[in-house]
Protein backbone atom coordinates (compact mmCIF):
# COMPACT_ATOMS: atom_id res chain seq x y z
CA MET A 1 3.45 1.98 4.52
CA ILE A 2 6.01 3.42 6.95
CA ILE A 3 6.68 1.76 10.29
CA LEU A 4 8.55 3.96 12.77
CA PRO A 5 10.46 2.66 15.82
CA ASP A 6 7.69 3.53 18.29
CA ALA A 7 5.01 1.72 16.28
CA ASP A 8 2.76 -0.99 17.65
CA LEU A 9 4.33 -3.86 15.68
CA GLU A 10 1.47 -6.26 16.35
CA LEU A 11 -0.98 -3.76 14.89
CA ALA A 12 1.33 -2.89 12.00
CA SER A 13 1.95 -6.52 11.04
CA SER A 14 -1.79 -7.28 11.20
CA ALA A 15 -2.49 -4.31 8.95
CA VAL A 16 0.07 -5.44 6.37
CA ALA A 17 -1.23 -9.02 6.45
CA ALA A 18 -4.72 -7.67 5.76
CA GLY A 19 -3.95 -4.76 3.44
CA GLY A 20 -1.43 -6.55 1.25
CA PHE A 21 -3.41 -9.64 0.33
CA ILE A 22 -7.14 -8.90 0.10
CA ASN A 23 -8.36 -9.77 -3.42
CA ALA A 24 -4.93 -11.37 -3.95
CA GLY A 25 -3.40 -7.90 -3.87
CA GLN A 26 -5.41 -6.80 -6.91
CA VAL A 27 -6.49 -3.49 -5.41
CA CYS A 28 -5.08 -0.09 -6.36
CA ILE A 29 -4.56 0.85 -2.69
CA SER A 30 -3.33 -2.50 -1.41
CA VAL A 31 -0.11 -2.48 0.60
CA GLN A 32 2.90 -3.13 -1.62
CA ARG A 33 5.86 -1.15 -0.24
CA VAL A 34 6.65 -1.42 3.47
CA ILE A 35 9.39 0.87 4.78
CA VAL A 36 10.38 -0.10 8.30
CA ASP A 37 12.86 1.52 10.65
CA ARG A 38 15.98 -0.62 10.78
CA SER A 39 15.89 -0.81 14.59
CA VAL A 40 12.58 -2.72 14.58
CA GLU A 41 12.81 -4.49 11.23
CA ALA A 42 13.61 -7.95 12.62
CA ASP A 43 10.82 -7.79 15.21
CA PHE A 44 8.35 -6.57 12.61
CA LEU A 45 9.19 -9.41 10.22
CA ASP A 46 8.96 -11.93 13.04
CA ALA A 47 5.42 -10.69 13.67
CA LEU A 48 4.43 -10.43 9.99
CA VAL A 49 5.58 -13.72 8.47
CA PRO A 50 3.41 -16.06 10.62
CA LYS A 51 0.34 -13.92 9.90
CA VAL A 52 0.94 -14.15 6.15
CA GLU A 53 1.65 -17.88 6.33
CA ALA A 54 -1.70 -18.31 8.10
CA ILE A 55 -3.62 -16.91 5.10
CA ALA A 56 -5.54 -19.87 3.68
CA VAL A 57 -5.07 -20.23 -0.08
CA GLY A 58 -7.57 -22.16 -2.17
CA ASN A 59 -11.00 -22.25 -3.78
CA PRO A 60 -12.85 -18.97 -3.04
CA GLU A 61 -16.12 -20.92 -2.78
CA GLU A 62 -14.83 -22.60 0.38
CA ALA A 63 -15.54 -20.76 3.62
CA ASP A 64 -12.01 -21.01 5.01
CA THR A 65 -10.26 -19.62 1.93
CA ARG A 66 -8.78 -16.15 2.32
CA LEU A 67 -6.79 -15.89 -0.92
CA GLY A 68 -7.69 -17.22 -4.34
CA SER A 69 -6.37 -16.86 -7.87
CA LEU A 70 -5.33 -13.79 -9.76
CA ILE A 71 -7.49 -12.62 -12.64
CA SER A 72 -5.58 -14.80 -15.13
CA GLU A 73 -2.68 -17.21 -15.41
CA GLU A 74 -0.83 -14.60 -17.44
CA GLU A 75 -1.06 -12.12 -14.56
CA ALA A 76 0.06 -14.77 -12.09
CA ALA A 77 3.11 -15.48 -14.26
CA ARG A 78 3.93 -11.76 -14.34
CA VAL A 79 3.72 -11.45 -10.55
CA HIS A 80 5.77 -14.61 -10.05
CA ALA A 81 8.43 -13.27 -12.45
CA SER A 82 8.62 -10.00 -10.47
CA ILE A 83 9.18 -11.91 -7.22
CA SER A 84 11.82 -14.11 -8.86
CA GLU A 85 13.61 -11.07 -10.26
CA ALA A 86 13.74 -9.50 -6.81
CA ARG A 87 15.19 -12.72 -5.36
CA HIS A 88 17.87 -12.85 -8.05
CA SER A 89 18.72 -9.21 -7.32
CA GLY A 90 19.52 -9.97 -3.69
CA ALA A 91 16.19 -9.67 -1.88
CA LYS A 92 15.09 -12.53 0.37
CA VAL A 93 11.70 -14.22 -0.03
CA LEU A 94 10.77 -15.05 3.55
CA THR A 95 7.58 -16.88 2.66
CA GLY A 96 5.36 -17.57 -0.36
CA GLY A 97 5.91 -16.50 -3.94
CA ASP A 98 5.24 -19.92 -5.48
CA ARG A 99 2.90 -20.22 -8.47
CA GLN A 100 0.48 -22.91 -9.55
CA GLY A 101 -1.63 -21.88 -12.49
CA ALA A 102 -3.27 -18.54 -11.70
CA VAL A 103 -2.52 -18.80 -7.96
CA VAL A 104 0.51 -17.14 -6.34
CA THR A 105 1.02 -17.88 -2.65
CA PRO A 106 1.15 -14.76 -0.43
CA ALA A 107 4.73 -13.53 -0.27
CA VAL A 108 6.86 -11.40 2.01
CA ILE A 109 10.09 -10.20 0.40
CA ALA A 110 12.67 -8.53 2.66
CA GLY A 111 15.79 -6.55 1.84
CA VAL A 112 14.19 -5.05 -1.26
CA ASP A 113 16.20 -2.33 -2.96
CA PRO A 114 13.88 0.72 -3.05
CA ARG A 115 15.18 1.45 -6.57
CA SER A 116 14.19 -2.02 -7.85
CA PRO A 117 11.17 -2.71 -10.08
CA LEU A 118 9.38 -4.57 -7.28
CA SER A 119 9.48 -1.40 -5.19
CA ARG A 120 8.90 1.17 -7.94
CA ASN A 121 6.30 -0.49 -10.19
CA GLU A 122 2.73 -1.39 -9.31
CA LEU A 123 2.72 -5.15 -8.65
CA PHE A 124 -1.06 -5.74 -8.32
CA GLY A 125 -0.47 -9.13 -6.74
CA PRO A 126 -0.17 -10.93 -3.40
CA ALA A 127 3.27 -9.80 -2.24
CA VAL A 128 4.72 -7.07 -0.04
CA ALA A 129 8.20 -5.63 -0.51
CA VAL A 130 9.94 -4.70 2.74
CA SER A 131 12.78 -2.16 2.75
CA SER A 132 14.55 -0.65 5.74
CA ALA A 133 15.31 2.98 6.57
CA SER A 134 17.77 4.45 9.06
CA ASP A 135 15.40 7.10 10.42
CA ILE A 136 12.20 9.03 9.70
CA GLU A 137 13.95 11.38 7.25
CA ALA A 138 15.16 8.42 5.17
CA ALA A 139 11.75 6.71 5.38
CA LEU A 140 9.87 9.79 4.15
CA ALA A 141 12.36 10.37 1.35
CA MET A 142 12.05 6.73 0.29
CA ALA A 143 8.26 6.91 0.35
CA ASN A 144 8.23 10.00 -1.86
CA ASP A 145 10.83 8.73 -4.32
CA ASN A 146 8.20 7.26 -6.61
CA GLU A 147 6.03 8.50 -9.46
CA TYR A 148 2.85 7.31 -7.71
CA GLY A 149 1.05 8.89 -4.79
CA LEU A 150 -2.33 7.27 -4.11
CA GLY A 151 -2.35 5.92 -0.55
CA ALA A 152 0.03 5.68 2.40
CA GLY A 153 0.01 4.42 5.96
CA VAL A 154 2.21 5.46 8.89
CA PHE A 155 2.54 3.52 12.14
CA THR A 156 3.74 5.51 15.13
CA SER A 157 2.66 6.40 18.67
CA ASP A 158 4.16 9.89 18.36
CA VAL A 159 1.78 12.74 17.50
CA ALA A 160 4.59 14.91 16.16
CA GLY A 161 5.77 12.10 13.89
CA SER A 162 2.22 11.61 12.63
CA ILE A 163 1.84 15.28 11.75
CA ARG A 164 5.21 15.37 10.03
CA ALA A 165 4.24 12.37 7.92
CA MET A 166 0.87 13.91 7.02
CA ARG A 167 2.58 17.06 5.79
CA GLN A 168 5.49 15.51 3.93
CA ILE A 169 4.18 12.34 2.29
CA ASP A 170 3.11 12.95 -1.32
CA ALA A 171 -0.05 10.86 -1.33
CA GLY A 172 -3.70 11.74 -1.65
CA ASN A 173 -4.80 9.47 1.22
CA ILE A 174 -2.77 9.04 4.39
CA HIS A 175 -3.74 6.73 7.24
CA ILE A 176 -2.21 6.86 10.69
CA ASN A 177 -1.94 3.43 12.34
CA TRP A 178 -3.83 1.49 9.70
CA THR A 179 -3.54 0.26 6.13
CA PRO A 180 -4.21 2.57 3.17
CA LEU A 181 -6.55 -0.12 1.86
CA TRP A 182 -9.36 1.37 3.98
CA ARG A 183 -11.69 3.93 2.36
CA ALA A 184 -15.24 5.25 2.59
CA ASP A 185 -17.23 6.72 -0.29
CA LEU A 186 -18.19 9.82 1.69
CA MET A 187 -14.51 10.84 1.89
CA PRO A 188 -12.57 12.66 -0.84
CA TYR A 189 -10.52 9.94 -2.54
CA GLY A 190 -7.81 10.39 -5.11
CA GLY A 191 -4.06 10.48 -5.58
CA LEU A 192 -1.18 12.81 -6.33
CA LYS A 193 1.53 12.71 -9.00
CA GLY A 194 0.90 9.77 -11.35
CA SER A 195 -2.02 8.45 -9.33
CA GLY A 196 -4.92 10.29 -10.91
CA ILE A 197 -6.52 13.69 -11.26
CA GLY A 198 -9.35 14.99 -9.10
CA LYS A 199 -11.23 13.32 -6.27
CA GLU A 200 -13.92 10.68 -5.96
CA GLY A 201 -16.49 10.67 -3.17
CA VAL A 202 -20.05 12.00 -3.12
CA ARG A 203 -19.34 15.66 -2.37
CA SER A 204 -16.20 15.70 -4.50
CA ALA A 205 -17.98 14.03 -7.42
CA VAL A 206 -20.78 16.61 -7.30
CA ASN A 207 -18.19 19.38 -7.32
CA GLU A 208 -16.41 17.78 -10.28
CA MET A 209 -19.65 17.79 -12.29
CA THR A 210 -20.74 21.29 -11.27
CA GLU A 211 -20.03 24.42 -13.31
CA GLU A 212 -19.74 27.49 -11.12
CA LYS A 213 -20.78 30.93 -12.33
CA THR A 214 -19.97 34.24 -10.74
CA VAL A 215 -22.86 36.68 -11.30
CA ILE A 216 -22.51 40.32 -10.31
CA LEU A 217 -25.49 42.68 -10.72
CA HIS A 218 -24.60 46.32 -11.46
CA GLY A 219 -26.72 49.34 -12.21
CA ARG A 220 -29.92 50.67 -10.70
CA PRO A 221 -31.72 48.75 -7.94
CA TRP A 222 -34.67 46.73 -9.06
């Protein structure tokens, strides 16, 4: 997810708080990497952290719970180790990242090196890695410097910036002013680079399972 300087930061922070932690982050299109323009980074984090801290962690059978356990304690240990590694490499855990059994509290990690494992590998857990960029050129280059290309989100109020992002981001699904977590089955859905081959979705699935034939009739009229 890219957040440009003219973005609605309240909307962007709400989208990250929703898109990064549903199903404890165990969704292939959940928000993991957040690239924010340096000029608005502090304001964005000020808006994001309270929203993430307000996510109720607990028993999923209770009505107020918004985040439960990961699929196993082993997976929770892996996610916790990734967060700890980022901290030891110089990133700052602004909130969350603690583990108890199979539960990892929702985490926001700032100052993440875009070349680090937390930024480059699929985490599949309840944490977002925030990195800063000096301008839109740096943000787009950072977004594309990855072997994956499934979903992306761009927050901006500039139409020209939106179109530029649509054209240049190497991802199969691009959302303007919302999280890439959103999808509908009627839409073509699939990624680029290491994020899959072909498209899902009703029409796309029919096309994938259809063999086309070109038939040309020559000779005398019937």
